[in-house]
């Protein structure tokens, strides 16, 4: 019933965050406790939810159920296939408004944004100074 009404009766006691289902709150609480109840029997990596473990097991089994319809490249995760498809479509959904640079991946946008910040030049300057000090002494 809560799904249709938008009601979120389950509250996190540490953050102002509400959930529609008790199970979603339990999953969230594991973030605070660090509890990882699901362990991979092949490499002992641990996960907070069973679905993450099942997705991880694909790596060991070599299962790649998501296939590109353009080039037949295979992927373990659907989001990786979606990201790959941008290479075929030319889609560049991430846009930096300061210079209108458009990129395919959010990571590339974050990298590009750093070129516009003075932080980078300060880090470079500090690095140069440290190298000069090392050469002098």
Protein backbone atom coordinates (compact mmCIF):
# COMPACT_ATOMS: atom_id res chain seq x y z
CA UNK A 1 0.00 0.00 0.00
CA UNK A 2 2.85 2.45 0.80
CA UNK A 3 4.17 2.13 -2.76
CA UNK A 4 1.04 3.69 -4.22
CA UNK A 5 0.61 6.39 -1.58
CA UNK A 6 4.26 7.46 -1.46
CA UNK A 7 4.26 6.87 2.29
CA UNK A 8 7.64 6.02 3.84
CA UNK A 9 6.95 4.76 7.36
CA UNK A 10 10.41 3.30 8.10
CA UNK A 11 12.93 5.84 9.42
CA UNK A 12 16.69 5.69 9.88
CA UNK A 13 17.57 6.72 13.43
CA UNK A 14 20.94 8.21 12.39
CA UNK A 15 19.95 10.17 9.30
CA UNK A 16 16.81 11.94 8.16
CA UNK A 17 16.07 9.20 5.64
CA UNK A 18 12.79 7.33 5.19
CA UNK A 19 11.96 4.08 3.40
CA UNK A 20 8.83 2.47 2.01
CA UNK A 21 9.78 -1.05 3.04
CA UNK A 22 11.36 -2.46 6.20
CA UNK A 23 13.85 -4.44 4.11
CA UNK A 24 15.14 -1.27 2.49
CA UNK A 25 15.73 0.25 5.92
CA UNK A 26 17.56 -2.91 7.03
CA UNK A 27 19.80 -2.69 3.96
CA UNK A 28 20.49 0.99 4.71
CA UNK A 29 21.33 0.27 8.37
CA UNK A 30 24.11 -2.07 7.19
CA UNK A 31 25.89 1.02 5.88
CA UNK A 32 26.12 2.30 9.47
CA UNK A 33 27.02 -1.04 11.04
CA UNK A 34 29.40 -2.18 8.30
CA UNK A 35 27.66 -5.56 8.31
CA UNK A 36 28.39 -7.61 5.19
CA UNK A 37 26.44 -10.84 5.50
CA UNK A 38 27.03 -12.18 1.98
CA UNK A 39 30.45 -13.66 1.19
CA UNK A 40 31.82 -14.93 -2.10
CA UNK A 41 33.02 -18.52 -1.60
CA UNK A 42 35.66 -18.12 -4.31
CA UNK A 43 37.48 -14.98 -3.16
CA UNK A 44 35.89 -14.16 0.25
CA UNK A 45 34.85 -10.65 -0.84
CA UNK A 46 31.86 -9.55 1.25
CA UNK A 47 28.67 -7.68 0.35
CA UNK A 48 25.81 -6.02 2.19
CA UNK A 49 23.10 -7.40 -0.12
CA UNK A 50 22.63 -10.73 -1.88
CA UNK A 51 22.10 -9.08 -5.28
CA UNK A 52 25.56 -7.55 -5.18
CA UNK A 53 27.07 -10.95 -4.44
CA UNK A 54 25.17 -12.55 -7.33
CA UNK A 55 26.38 -9.81 -9.69
CA UNK A 56 29.94 -10.31 -8.40
CA UNK A 57 29.84 -14.08 -9.01
CA UNK A 58 29.47 -13.37 -12.74
CA UNK A 59 33.10 -12.21 -12.71
CA UNK A 60 34.30 -15.63 -11.54
CA UNK A 61 31.99 -17.53 -13.85
CA UNK A 62 32.79 -15.36 -16.86
CA UNK A 63 29.07 -14.80 -17.43
CA UNK A 64 28.38 -11.79 -19.64
CA UNK A 65 24.65 -11.80 -20.35
CA UNK A 66 24.44 -8.30 -21.82
CA UNK A 67 25.47 -8.12 -25.49
CA UNK A 68 25.89 -5.07 -27.70
CA UNK A 69 23.61 -5.34 -30.75
CA UNK A 70 26.10 -3.29 -32.83
CA UNK A 71 29.42 -5.06 -32.22
CA UNK A 72 28.54 -8.13 -30.10
CA UNK A 73 30.78 -7.03 -27.21
CA UNK A 74 29.59 -8.67 -23.98
CA UNK A 75 29.20 -7.21 -20.50
CA UNK A 76 28.55 -8.49 -16.99
CA UNK A 77 26.37 -5.50 -16.06
CA UNK A 78 23.62 -3.75 -18.00
CA UNK A 79 24.91 -0.32 -16.98
CA UNK A 80 28.25 -1.15 -18.63
CA UNK A 81 26.42 -2.02 -21.85
CA UNK A 82 24.46 1.25 -21.71
CA UNK A 83 27.68 3.22 -21.20
CA UNK A 84 29.32 1.33 -24.10
CA UNK A 85 26.42 2.11 -26.44
CA UNK A 86 27.34 5.79 -26.29
CA UNK A 87 30.41 4.97 -28.39
CA UNK A 88 28.06 3.82 -31.17
CA UNK A 89 25.44 6.54 -30.83
CA UNK A 90 27.81 9.44 -30.20
CA UNK A 91 25.68 10.48 -27.22
CA UNK A 92 27.45 12.83 -24.82
CA UNK A 93 25.03 13.30 -21.92
CA UNK A 94 27.42 15.06 -19.56
CA UNK A 95 27.80 18.77 -20.25
CA UNK A 96 29.97 21.32 -18.44
CA UNK A 97 28.12 24.62 -18.68
CA UNK A 98 31.21 26.77 -18.04
CA UNK A 99 32.74 25.87 -21.42
CA UNK A 100 30.04 23.72 -23.10
CA UNK A 101 32.34 20.69 -23.12
CA UNK A 102 30.31 17.51 -23.65
CA UNK A 103 31.58 14.05 -22.70
CA UNK A 104 30.28 10.48 -22.68
CA UNK A 105 31.12 9.54 -19.09
CA UNK A 106 30.65 11.30 -15.76
CA UNK A 107 34.25 10.46 -14.84
CA UNK A 108 35.52 12.38 -17.87
CA UNK A 109 33.41 15.37 -16.87
CA UNK A 110 34.88 15.37 -13.35
CA UNK A 111 38.39 15.20 -14.82
CA UNK A 112 37.66 18.04 -17.22
CA UNK A 113 36.15 20.22 -14.49
CA UNK A 114 39.46 20.07 -12.63
CA UNK A 115 41.14 21.87 -15.53
CA UNK A 116 38.99 24.91 -14.70
CA UNK A 117 39.84 25.04 -11.00
CA UNK A 118 42.82 26.90 -9.54
CA UNK A 119 43.38 23.91 -7.20
CA UNK A 120 45.20 22.03 -9.93
CA UNK A 121 47.71 24.82 -10.50
CA UNK A 122 48.36 25.03 -6.73
CA UNK A 123 49.00 21.31 -6.58
CA UNK A 124 51.32 21.54 -9.57
CA UNK A 125 53.15 24.51 -8.04
CA UNK A 126 53.57 22.67 -4.73
CA UNK A 127 54.90 19.66 -6.60
CA UNK A 128 57.43 21.79 -8.49
CA UNK A 129 58.55 23.48 -5.26
CA UNK A 130 58.96 20.11 -3.53
CA UNK A 131 61.02 18.81 -6.45
CA UNK A 132 63.24 21.89 -6.38
CA UNK A 133 63.78 21.48 -2.63
CA UNK A 134 64.75 17.85 -3.17
CA UNK A 135 67.25 18.84 -5.87
CA UNK A 136 68.80 21.64 -3.77
CA UNK A 137 69.38 19.55 -0.63
